[in-house]
PDB file of N, CA and C in Angstrom:
ATOM      1  N   MET A   1     308.248 242.084 232.814  1.00  0.00           N
ATOM      2  CA  MET A   1     307.251 241.588 231.892  1.00  0.00           C
ATOM      3  C   MET A   1     306.009 242.482 231.913  1.00  0.00           C
ATOM      4  N   LEU A   2     305.552 242.896 233.092  1.00  0.00           N
ATOM      5  CA  LEU A   2     304.372 243.756 233.161  1.00  0.00           C
ATOM      6  C   LEU A   2     304.710 245.210 232.866  1.00  0.00           C
ATOM      7  N   GLY A   3     305.971 245.534 232.743  1.00  0.00           N
ATOM      8  CA  GLY A   3     306.378 246.897 232.456  1.00  0.00           C
ATOM      9  C   GLY A   3     305.985 247.346 231.066  1.00  0.00           C
ATOM     10  N   ASN A   4     305.720 246.416 230.171  1.00  0.00           N
ATOM     11  CA  ASN A   4     305.366 246.756 228.801  1.00  0.00           C
ATOM     12  C   ASN A   4     303.879 247.030 228.618  1.00  0.00           C
ATOM     13  N   ILE A   5     303.081 246.833 229.656  1.00  0.00           N
ATOM     14  CA  ILE A   5     301.640 247.048 229.547  1.00  0.00           C
ATOM     15  C   ILE A   5     301.338 248.500 229.909  1.00  0.00           C
ATOM     16  N   GLY A   6     300.775 249.215 228.966  1.00  0.00           N
ATOM     17  CA  GLY A   6     300.451 250.618 229.172  1.00  0.00           C
ATOM     18  C   GLY A   6     298.962 250.809 229.389  1.00  0.00           C
ATOM     19  N   PRO A   7     298.561 252.050 229.585  1.00  0.00           N
ATOM     20  CA  PRO A   7     297.140 252.333 229.827  1.00  0.00           C
ATOM     21  C   PRO A   7     296.251 251.968 228.639  1.00  0.00           C
ATOM     22  N   LEU A   8     296.756 252.098 227.422  1.00  0.00           N
ATOM     23  CA  LEU A   8     295.955 251.758 226.255  1.00  0.00           C
ATOM     24  C   LEU A   8     295.648 250.261 226.216  1.00  0.00           C
ATOM     25  N   GLU A   9     296.627 249.445 226.538  1.00  0.00           N
ATOM     26  CA  GLU A   9     296.414 248.000 226.552  1.00  0.00           C
ATOM     27  C   GLU A   9     295.427 247.592 227.633  1.00  0.00           C
ATOM     28  N   ILE A  10     295.504 248.233 228.785  1.00  0.00           N
ATOM     29  CA  ILE A  10     294.569 247.933 229.881  1.00  0.00           C
ATOM     30  C   ILE A  10     293.148 248.298 229.469  1.00  0.00           C
ATOM     31  N   ILE A  11     292.987 249.430 228.804  1.00  0.00           N
ATOM     32  CA  ILE A  11     291.661 249.856 228.357  1.00  0.00           C
ATOM     33  C   ILE A  11     291.096 248.874 227.336  1.00  0.00           C
ATOM     34  N   VAL A  12     291.938 248.401 226.421  1.00  0.00           N
ATOM     35  CA  VAL A  12     291.490 247.436 225.417  1.00  0.00           C
ATOM     36  C   VAL A  12     291.042 246.143 226.084  1.00  0.00           C
ATOM     37  N   VAL A  13     291.800 245.672 227.062  1.00  0.00           N
ATOM     38  CA  VAL A  13     291.441 244.444 227.767  1.00  0.00           C
ATOM     39  C   VAL A  13     290.118 244.629 228.516  1.00  0.00           C
ATOM     40  N   LEU A  14     289.923 245.777 229.159  1.00  0.00           N
ATOM     41  CA  LEU A  14     288.668 246.033 229.878  1.00  0.00           C
ATOM     42  C   LEU A  14     287.477 246.108 228.924  1.00  0.00           C
ATOM     43  N   ILE A  15     287.663 246.685 227.764  1.00  0.00           N
ATOM     44  CA  ILE A  15     286.572 246.756 226.789  1.00  0.00           C
ATOM     45  C   ILE A  15     286.222 245.360 226.289  1.00  0.00           C
ATOM     46  N   ILE A  16     287.222 244.546 226.030  1.00  0.00           N
ATOM     47  CA  ILE A  16     286.962 243.173 225.595  1.00  0.00           C
ATOM     48  C   ILE A  16     286.235 242.394 226.690  1.00  0.00           C
ATOM     49  N   ALA A  17     286.652 242.574 227.946  1.00  0.00           N
ATOM     50  CA  ALA A  17     285.979 241.892 229.058  1.00  0.00           C
ATOM     51  C   ALA A  17     284.530 242.353 229.173  1.00  0.00           C
ATOM     52  N   LEU A  18     284.286 243.628 228.968  1.00  0.00           N
ATOM     53  CA  LEU A  18     282.921 244.146 229.022  1.00  0.00           C
ATOM     54  C   LEU A  18     282.065 243.554 227.915  1.00  0.00           C
ATOM     55  N   ILE A  19     282.632 243.396 226.735  1.00  0.00           N
ATOM     56  CA  ILE A  19     281.880 242.820 225.623  1.00  0.00           C
ATOM     57  C   ILE A  19     281.606 241.339 225.866  1.00  0.00           C
ATOM     58  N   VAL A  20     282.605 240.610 226.368  1.00  0.00           N
ATOM     59  CA  VAL A  20     282.456 239.170 226.553  1.00  0.00           C
ATOM     60  C   VAL A  20     281.508 238.844 227.695  1.00  0.00           C
ATOM     61  N   PHE A  21     281.680 239.499 228.846  1.00  0.00           N
ATOM     62  CA  PHE A  21     280.919 239.128 230.039  1.00  0.00           C
ATOM     63  C   PHE A  21     279.668 239.978 230.248  1.00  0.00           C
ATOM     64  N   GLY A  22     279.615 241.158 229.706  1.00  0.00           N
ATOM     65  CA  GLY A  22     278.447 242.013 229.859  1.00  0.00           C
ATOM     66  C   GLY A  22     278.522 242.864 231.102  1.00  0.00           C
ATOM     67  N   PRO A  23     277.774 243.947 231.132  1.00  0.00           N
ATOM     68  CA  PRO A  23     277.852 244.882 232.253  1.00  0.00           C
ATOM     69  C   PRO A  23     277.266 244.339 233.556  1.00  0.00           C
ATOM     70  N   LYS A  24     276.351 243.384 233.493  1.00  0.00           N
ATOM     71  CA  LYS A  24     275.753 242.850 234.719  1.00  0.00           C
ATOM     72  C   LYS A  24     276.695 241.885 235.421  1.00  0.00           C
ATOM     73  N   ARG A  25     277.461 241.156 234.662  1.00  0.00           N
ATOM     74  CA  ARG A  25     278.299 240.099 235.219  1.00  0.00           C
ATOM     75  C   ARG A  25     279.681 240.594 235.634  1.00  0.00           C
ATOM     76  N   LEU A  26     280.130 241.728 235.083  1.00  0.00           N
ATOM     77  CA  LEU A  26     281.476 242.223 235.327  1.00  0.00           C
ATOM     78  C   LEU A  26     281.745 242.557 236.796  1.00  0.00           C
ATOM     79  N   PRO A  27     280.838 243.216 237.532  1.00  0.00           N
ATOM     80  CA  PRO A  27     281.114 243.475 238.955  1.00  0.00           C
ATOM     81  C   PRO A  27     281.234 242.194 239.781  1.00  0.00           C
ATOM     82  N   GLU A  28     280.432 241.182 239.456  1.00  0.00           N
ATOM     83  CA  GLU A  28     280.525 239.902 240.167  1.00  0.00           C
ATOM     84  C   GLU A  28     281.887 239.266 239.940  1.00  0.00           C
ATOM     85  N   LEU A  29     282.369 239.329 238.704  1.00  0.00           N
ATOM     86  CA  LEU A  29     283.674 238.757 238.389  1.00  0.00           C
ATOM     87  C   LEU A  29     284.784 239.512 239.110  1.00  0.00           C
ATOM     88  N   GLY A  30     284.664 240.825 239.188  1.00  0.00           N
ATOM     89  CA  GLY A  30     285.671 241.628 239.889  1.00  0.00           C
ATOM     90  C   GLY A  30     285.722 241.313 241.371  1.00  0.00           C
ATOM     91  N   SER A  31     284.564 241.168 241.993  1.00  0.00           N
ATOM     92  CA  SER A  31     284.555 240.864 243.428  1.00  0.00           C
ATOM     93  C   SER A  31     285.067 239.461 243.704  1.00  0.00           C
ATOM     94  N   SER A  32     284.719 238.509 242.845  1.00  0.00           N
ATOM     95  CA  SER A  32     285.226 237.149 243.052  1.00  0.00           C
ATOM     96  C   SER A  32     286.728 237.083 242.795  1.00  0.00           C
ATOM     97  N   LEU A  33     287.232 237.861 241.843  1.00  0.00           N
ATOM     98  CA  LEU A  33     288.666 237.916 241.598  1.00  0.00           C
ATOM     99  C   LEU A  33     289.385 238.519 242.807  1.00  0.00           C
ATOM    100  N   GLY A  34     288.845 239.589 243.363  1.00  0.00           N
ATOM    101  CA  GLY A  34     289.442 240.195 244.555  1.00  0.00           C
ATOM    102  C   GLY A  34     289.437 239.254 245.741  1.00  0.00           C
ATOM    103  N   ARG A  35     288.336 238.526 245.917  1.00  0.00           N
ATOM    104  CA  ARG A  35     288.242 237.548 247.012  1.00  0.00           C
ATOM    105  C   ARG A  35     289.281 236.442 246.824  1.00  0.00           C
ATOM    106  N   GLY A  36     289.444 235.994 245.591  1.00  0.00           N
ATOM    107  CA  GLY A  36     290.424 234.948 245.306  1.00  0.00           C
ATOM    108  C   GLY A  36     291.847 235.419 245.572  1.00  0.00           C
ATOM    109  N   ILE A  37     292.143 236.649 245.181  1.00  0.00           N
ATOM    110  CA  ILE A  37     293.477 237.199 245.442  1.00  0.00           C
ATOM    111  C   ILE A  37     293.721 237.319 246.940  1.00  0.00           C
ATOM    112  N   ARG A  38     292.702 237.772 247.698  1.00  0.00           N
ATOM    113  CA  ARG A  38     292.851 237.871 249.166  1.00  0.00           C
ATOM    114  C   ARG A  38     293.087 236.502 249.791  1.00  0.00           C
ATOM    115  N   GLU A  39     292.339 235.499 249.329  1.00  0.00           N
ATOM    116  CA  GLU A  39     292.528 234.148 249.865  1.00  0.00           C
ATOM    117  C   GLU A  39     293.912 233.617 249.529  1.00  0.00           C
ATOM    118  N   PHE A  40     294.370 233.862 248.311  1.00  0.00           N
ATOM    119  CA  PHE A  40     295.694 233.411 247.915  1.00  0.00           C
ATOM    120  C   PHE A  40     296.767 234.104 248.750  1.00  0.00           C
ATOM    121  N   ARG A  41     296.639 235.403 248.919  1.00  0.00           N
ATOM    122  CA  ARG A  41     297.606 236.152 249.708  1.00  0.00           C
ATOM    123  C   ARG A  41     297.608 235.673 251.154  1.00  0.00           C
ATOM    124  N   GLY A  42     296.425 235.380 251.695  1.00  0.00           N
ATOM    125  CA  GLY A  42     296.335 234.872 253.065  1.00  0.00           C
ATOM    126  C   GLY A  42     296.953 233.489 253.196  1.00  0.00           C
ATOM    127  N   ALA A  43     296.792 232.661 252.170  1.00  0.00           N
ATOM    128  CA  ALA A  43     297.377 231.320 252.217  1.00  0.00           C
ATOM    129  C   ALA A  43     298.897 231.387 252.119  1.00  0.00           C
ATOM    130  N   VAL A  44     299.415 232.315 251.337  1.00  0.00           N
ATOM    131  CA  VAL A  44     300.863 232.437 251.173  1.00  0.00           C
ATOM    132  C   VAL A  44     301.500 232.984 252.442  1.00  0.00           C
ATOM    133  N   THR A  45     300.871 234.001 253.042  1.00  0.00           N
ATOM    134  CA  THR A  45     301.463 234.619 254.227  1.00  0.00           C
ATOM    135  C   THR A  45     301.079 233.904 255.511  1.00  0.00           C
ATOM    136  N   GLY A  46     300.054 233.084 255.470  1.00  0.00           N
ATOM    137  CA  GLY A  46     299.632 232.349 256.660  1.00  0.00           C
ATOM    138  C   GLY A  46     298.615 233.098 257.498  1.00  0.00           C
ATOM    139  N   ASP A  47     298.041 234.159 256.965  1.00  0.00           N
ATOM    140  CA  ASP A  47     297.018 234.931 257.682  1.00  0.00           C
ATOM    141  C   ASP A  47     295.648 234.398 257.336  1.00  0.00           C
ATOM    142  N   LYS A  48     295.368 233.189 257.762  1.00  0.00           N
ATOM    143  CA  LYS A  48     294.108 232.542 257.410  1.00  0.00           C
ATOM    144  C   LYS A  48     292.930 233.168 258.154  1.00  0.00           C
ATOM    145  N   ASP A  49     293.132 233.568 259.387  1.00  0.00           N
ATOM    146  CA  ASP A  49     292.042 234.115 260.194  1.00  0.00           C
ATOM    147  C   ASP A  49     291.546 235.447 259.648  1.00  0.00           C
ATOM    148  N   ASP A  50     292.447 236.277 259.115  1.00  0.00           N
ATOM    149  CA  ASP A  50     292.033 237.572 258.599  1.00  0.00           C
ATOM    150  C   ASP A  50     291.090 237.418 257.406  1.00  0.00           C
ATOM    151  N   GLY A  51     291.354 236.467 256.548  1.00  0.00           N
ATOM    152  CA  GLY A  51     290.501 236.253 255.386  1.00  0.00           C
ATOM    153  C   GLY A  51     289.114 235.785 255.779  1.00  0.00           C
ATOM    154  N   GLU A  52     289.035 234.900 256.789  1.00  0.00           N
ATOM    155  CA  GLU A  52     287.731 234.424 257.244  1.00  0.00           C
ATOM    156  C   GLU A  52     286.953 235.545 257.915  1.00  0.00           C
ATOM    157  N   ALA A  53     287.639 236.363 258.693  1.00  0.00           N
ATOM    158  CA  ALA A  53     286.969 237.486 259.350  1.00  0.00           C
ATOM    159  C   ALA A  53     286.467 238.480 258.314  1.00  0.00           C
ATOM    160  N   GLU A  54     287.252 238.710 257.271  1.00  0.00           N
ATOM    161  CA  GLU A  54     286.841 239.626 256.212  1.00  0.00           C
ATOM    162  C   GLU A  54     285.630 239.078 255.463  1.00  0.00           C
ATOM    163  N   ALA A  55     285.626 237.787 255.186  1.00  0.00           N
ATOM    164  CA  ALA A  55     284.494 237.180 254.485  1.00  0.00           C
ATOM    165  C   ALA A  55     283.224 237.274 255.328  1.00  0.00           C
ATOM    166  N   LYS A  56     283.332 237.030 256.630  1.00  0.00           N
ATOM    167  CA  LYS A  56     282.161 237.142 257.501  1.00  0.00           C
ATOM    168  C   LYS A  56     281.664 238.577 257.573  1.00  0.00           C
ATOM    169  N   ARG A  57     282.600 239.529 257.589  1.00  0.00           N
ATOM    170  CA  ARG A  57     282.212 240.935 257.644  1.00  0.00           C
ATOM    171  C   ARG A  57     281.474 241.323 256.371  1.00  0.00           C
ATOM    172  N   LEU A  58     281.944 240.850 255.219  1.00  0.00           N
ATOM    173  CA  LEU A  58     281.283 241.165 253.960  1.00  0.00           C
ATOM    174  C   LEU A  58     279.905 240.541 253.881  1.00  0.00           C
ATOM    175  N   GLU A  59     279.768 239.312 254.370  1.00  0.00           N
ATOM    176  CA  GLU A  59     278.462 238.652 254.349  1.00  0.00           C
ATOM    177  C   GLU A  59     277.468 239.369 255.242  1.00  0.00           C
ATOM    178  N   SER A  60     277.931 239.846 256.399  1.00  0.00           N
ATOM    179  CA  SER A  60     277.011 240.517 257.320  1.00  0.00           C
ATOM    180  C   SER A  60     276.650 241.911 256.844  1.00  0.00           C
ATOM    181  N   SER A  61     277.486 242.539 256.012  1.00  0.00           N
ATOM    182  CA  SER A  61     277.189 243.891 255.555  1.00  0.00           C
ATOM    183  C   SER A  61     276.205 243.902 254.393  1.00  0.00           C
ATOM    184  N   GLN A  62     276.009 242.774 253.726  1.00  0.00           N
ATOM    185  CA  GLN A  62     275.060 242.720 252.628  1.00  0.00           C
ATOM    186  C   GLN A  62     273.642 242.643 253.189  1.00  0.00           C
ATOM    187  N   PRO A  63     272.732 243.424 252.626  1.00  0.00           N
ATOM    188  CA  PRO A  63     271.361 243.393 253.139  1.00  0.00           C
ATOM    189  C   PRO A  63     270.704 242.038 252.879  1.00  0.00           C
ATOM    190  N   ALA A  64     269.874 241.654 253.811  1.00  0.00           N
ATOM    191  CA  ALA A  64     269.154 240.383 253.679  1.00  0.00           C
ATOM    192  C   ALA A  64     268.109 240.512 252.577  1.00  0.00           C
ATOM    193  N   PRO A  65     267.836 239.453 251.846  1.00  0.00           N
ATOM    194  CA  PRO A  65     266.810 239.533 250.806  1.00  0.00           C
ATOM    195  C   PRO A  65     265.446 239.783 251.441  1.00  0.00           C
ATOM    196  N   PRO A  66     264.586 240.514 250.758  1.00  0.00           N
ATOM    197  CA  PRO A  66     263.270 240.812 251.338  1.00  0.00           C
ATOM    198  C   PRO A  66     262.461 239.532 251.527  1.00  0.00           C
ATOM    199  N   ALA A  67     261.686 239.533 252.607  1.00  0.00           N
ATOM    200  CA  ALA A  67     260.845 238.373 252.901  1.00  0.00           C
ATOM    201  C   ALA A  67     259.742 238.270 251.858  1.00  0.00           C
ATOM    202  N   ALA A  68     259.399 237.058 251.527  1.00  0.00           N
ATOM    203  CA  ALA A  68     258.346 236.849 250.537  1.00  0.00           C
ATOM    204  C   ALA A  68     257.008 237.260 251.136  1.00  0.00           C
ATOM    205  N   GLU A  69     256.320 238.113 250.426  1.00  0.00           N
ATOM    206  CA  GLU A  69     255.025 238.578 250.906  1.00  0.00           C
ATOM    207  C   GLU A  69     253.939 237.654 250.384  1.00  0.00           C
ATOM    208  N   GLU A  70     252.911 237.513 251.203  1.00  0.00           N
ATOM    209  CA  GLU A  70     251.787 236.705 250.775  1.00  0.00           C
ATOM    210  C   GLU A  70     250.989 237.487 249.746  1.00  0.00           C
ATOM    211  N   PRO A  71     250.492 236.813 248.728  1.00  0.00           N
ATOM    212  CA  PRO A  71     249.722 237.535 247.722  1.00  0.00           C
ATOM    213  C   PRO A  71     248.424 238.078 248.320  1.00  0.00           C
ATOM    214  N   ALA A  72     248.094 239.265 247.910  1.00  0.00           N
ATOM    215  CA  ALA A  72     246.873 239.887 248.411  1.00  0.00           C
ATOM    216  C   ALA A  72     245.664 239.179 247.815  1.00  0.00           C
ATOM    217  N   GLU A  73     244.604 239.091 248.639  1.00  0.00           N
ATOM    218  CA  GLU A  73     243.375 238.468 248.151  1.00  0.00           C
ATOM    219  C   GLU A  73     242.694 239.439 247.194  1.00  0.00           C
ATOM    220  N   ARG A  74     242.236 238.907 246.113  1.00  0.00           N
ATOM    221  CA  ARG A  74     241.597 239.757 245.117  1.00  0.00           C
ATOM    222  C   ARG A  74     240.099 239.485 245.098  1.00  0.00           C
ATOM    223  N   GLU A  75     239.372 240.543 244.934  1.00  0.00           N
ATOM    224  CA  GLU A  75     237.927 240.437 244.864  1.00  0.00           C
ATOM    225  C   GLU A  75     237.534 240.304 243.403  1.00  0.00           C
ATOM    226  N   VAL A  76     236.723 239.305 243.119  1.00  0.00           N
ATOM    227  CA  VAL A  76     236.302 239.066 241.756  1.00  0.00           C
ATOM    228  C   VAL A  76     235.000 239.824 241.538  1.00  0.00           C
ATOM    229  N   ILE A  77     235.014 240.687 240.556  1.00  0.00           N
ATOM    230  CA  ILE A  77     233.820 241.475 240.223  1.00  0.00           C
ATOM    231  C   ILE A  77     233.377 241.041 238.835  1.00  0.00           C
ATOM    232  N   SER A  78     232.169 240.563 238.781  1.00  0.00           N
ATOM    233  CA  SER A  78     231.661 240.161 237.465  1.00  0.00           C
ATOM    234  C   SER A  78     230.759 241.269 236.939  1.00  0.00           C
ATOM    235  N   ASP A  79     230.972 241.615 235.717  1.00  0.00           N
ATOM    236  CA  ASP A  79     230.224 242.683 235.089  1.00  0.00           C
ATOM    237  C   ASP A  79     229.369 242.059 234.000  1.00  0.00           C
ATOM    238  N   LYS A  80     228.058 242.034 234.237  1.00  0.00           N
ATOM    239  CA  LYS A  80     227.158 241.437 233.262  1.00  0.00           C
ATOM    240  C   LYS A  80     226.588 242.537 232.384  1.00  0.00           C
ATOM    241  N   ARG A  81     226.951 242.456 231.135  1.00  0.00           N
ATOM    242  CA  ARG A  81     226.423 243.439 230.177  1.00  0.00           C
ATOM    243  C   ARG A  81     225.489 242.722 229.215  1.00  0.00           C
ATOM    244  N   SER A  82     224.381 243.369 228.894  1.00  0.00           N
ATOM    245  CA  SER A  82     223.418 242.756 227.993  1.00  0.00           C
ATOM    246  C   SER A  82     223.594 243.238 226.600  1.00  0.00           C
TER     247      SER A  82
END
């Protein structure tokens, strides 16, 4: 069944996905799809621990969000012009 899908069809599907989801959302969808496939494969083969270890490794490799900085105090300068 998948033997009939050629490179042209794959390119058309990717272009449609890019138009529908947009360039910002497409990488998120790809990573979540890959994670889902890994979880499914782990559930089928029974390698549950490997998937959890991989998820923890991915979470630890992502940089932590920057700490919220306190706003700087601003000096109010009044300019009186006559």
